[in-house]
Amino acid sequence: MSGNDNKVEVYILDERYVMKGIESPEHMEMLAFQLNKRLRQAQSVNPRLSNLQTVLLTAVNLLDELIRLQEENKK
């Protein structure tokens, strides 16, 4: 990382994380917000899942969405 990186503190599933990157702090906060929203949705449907299981399920769902969008854009 360069000296021009931004840093922002976020909470995901009630855990504190420090995100660093070249994107604006607002963009990184939006990413954390959207991720947390998706994780909370998965937890509400599957309340017995551990945080790790919730993260993995959400990752698979997001990857599925990404691949479907990429396939649609190829058409």
Protein backbone atom coordinates (compact mmCIF):
# COMPACT_ATOMS: atom_id res chain seq x y z
CA MET A 1 0.00 0.00 0.00
CA SER A 2 1.15 3.52 -0.73
CA GLY A 3 1.23 6.53 1.55
CA ASN A 4 -1.91 7.87 -0.17
CA ASP A 5 -4.16 5.09 1.08
CA ASN A 6 -7.31 5.87 3.00
CA LYS A 7 -8.27 4.13 6.20
CA VAL A 8 -11.72 3.69 7.71
CA GLU A 9 -13.06 1.80 10.72
CA VAL A 10 -16.13 -0.32 10.01
CA TYR A 11 -18.22 -2.89 11.85
CA ILE A 12 -19.29 -6.08 10.11
CA LEU A 13 -21.43 -8.52 12.09
CA ASP A 14 -20.57 -6.49 15.19
CA GLU A 15 -16.83 -6.99 14.68
CA ARG A 16 -14.52 -3.99 14.22
CA TYR A 17 -12.36 -3.91 11.11
CA VAL A 18 -10.02 -1.30 9.68
CA MET A 19 -10.24 -1.09 5.92
CA LYS A 20 -7.36 0.46 3.97
CA GLY A 21 -7.34 1.25 0.29
CA ILE A 22 -7.10 3.82 -2.45
CA GLU A 23 -10.88 4.22 -2.63
CA SER A 24 -12.55 7.05 -0.73
CA PRO A 25 -13.55 6.42 2.88
CA GLU A 26 -17.17 6.89 1.81
CA HIS A 27 -16.84 4.14 -0.79
CA MET A 28 -15.28 1.73 1.70
CA GLU A 29 -18.00 2.53 4.24
CA MET A 30 -20.65 1.87 1.59
CA LEU A 31 -19.05 -1.50 0.80
CA ALA A 32 -19.03 -2.46 4.47
CA PHE A 33 -22.64 -1.29 4.84
CA GLN A 34 -23.82 -3.30 1.84
CA LEU A 35 -21.90 -6.39 2.97
CA ASN A 36 -23.31 -6.11 6.47
CA LYS A 37 -26.81 -5.73 4.99
CA ARG A 38 -26.36 -8.93 2.96
CA LEU A 39 -24.97 -10.80 5.95
CA ARG A 40 -27.87 -9.70 8.17
CA GLN A 41 -30.35 -10.82 5.48
CA ALA A 42 -28.72 -14.25 5.39
CA GLN A 43 -28.81 -14.44 9.19
CA SER A 44 -32.49 -13.54 9.31
CA VAL A 45 -33.33 -16.41 6.94
CA ASN A 46 -30.92 -18.83 8.64
CA PRO A 47 -30.65 -17.72 12.29
CA ARG A 48 -28.83 -20.87 13.41
CA LEU A 49 -25.82 -20.29 11.14
CA SER A 50 -22.55 -19.28 12.73
CA ASN A 51 -20.94 -16.06 11.55
CA LEU A 52 -18.49 -18.08 9.45
CA GLN A 53 -21.30 -20.04 7.81
CA THR A 54 -23.18 -16.80 7.18
CA VAL A 55 -20.11 -15.24 5.54
CA LEU A 56 -19.52 -18.30 3.35
CA LEU A 57 -23.17 -18.51 2.27
CA THR A 58 -23.16 -14.80 1.43
CA ALA A 59 -19.89 -15.12 -0.49
CA VAL A 60 -21.32 -17.96 -2.59
CA ASN A 61 -24.49 -15.96 -3.27
CA LEU A 62 -22.52 -12.86 -4.28
CA LEU A 63 -20.24 -14.90 -6.54
CA ASP A 64 -23.29 -16.47 -8.16
CA GLU A 65 -24.72 -13.01 -8.83
CA LEU A 66 -21.42 -11.81 -10.28
CA ILE A 67 -21.09 -14.79 -12.62
CA ARG A 68 -24.70 -14.44 -13.81
CA LEU A 69 -24.16 -10.73 -14.54
CA GLN A 70 -20.93 -11.47 -16.41
CA GLU A 71 -22.73 -14.09 -18.51
CA GLU A 72 -25.56 -11.64 -19.26
CA ASN A 73 -23.05 -8.99 -20.37
CA LYS A 74 -21.45 -11.45 -22.82
CA LYS A 75 -24.72 -11.77 -24.72
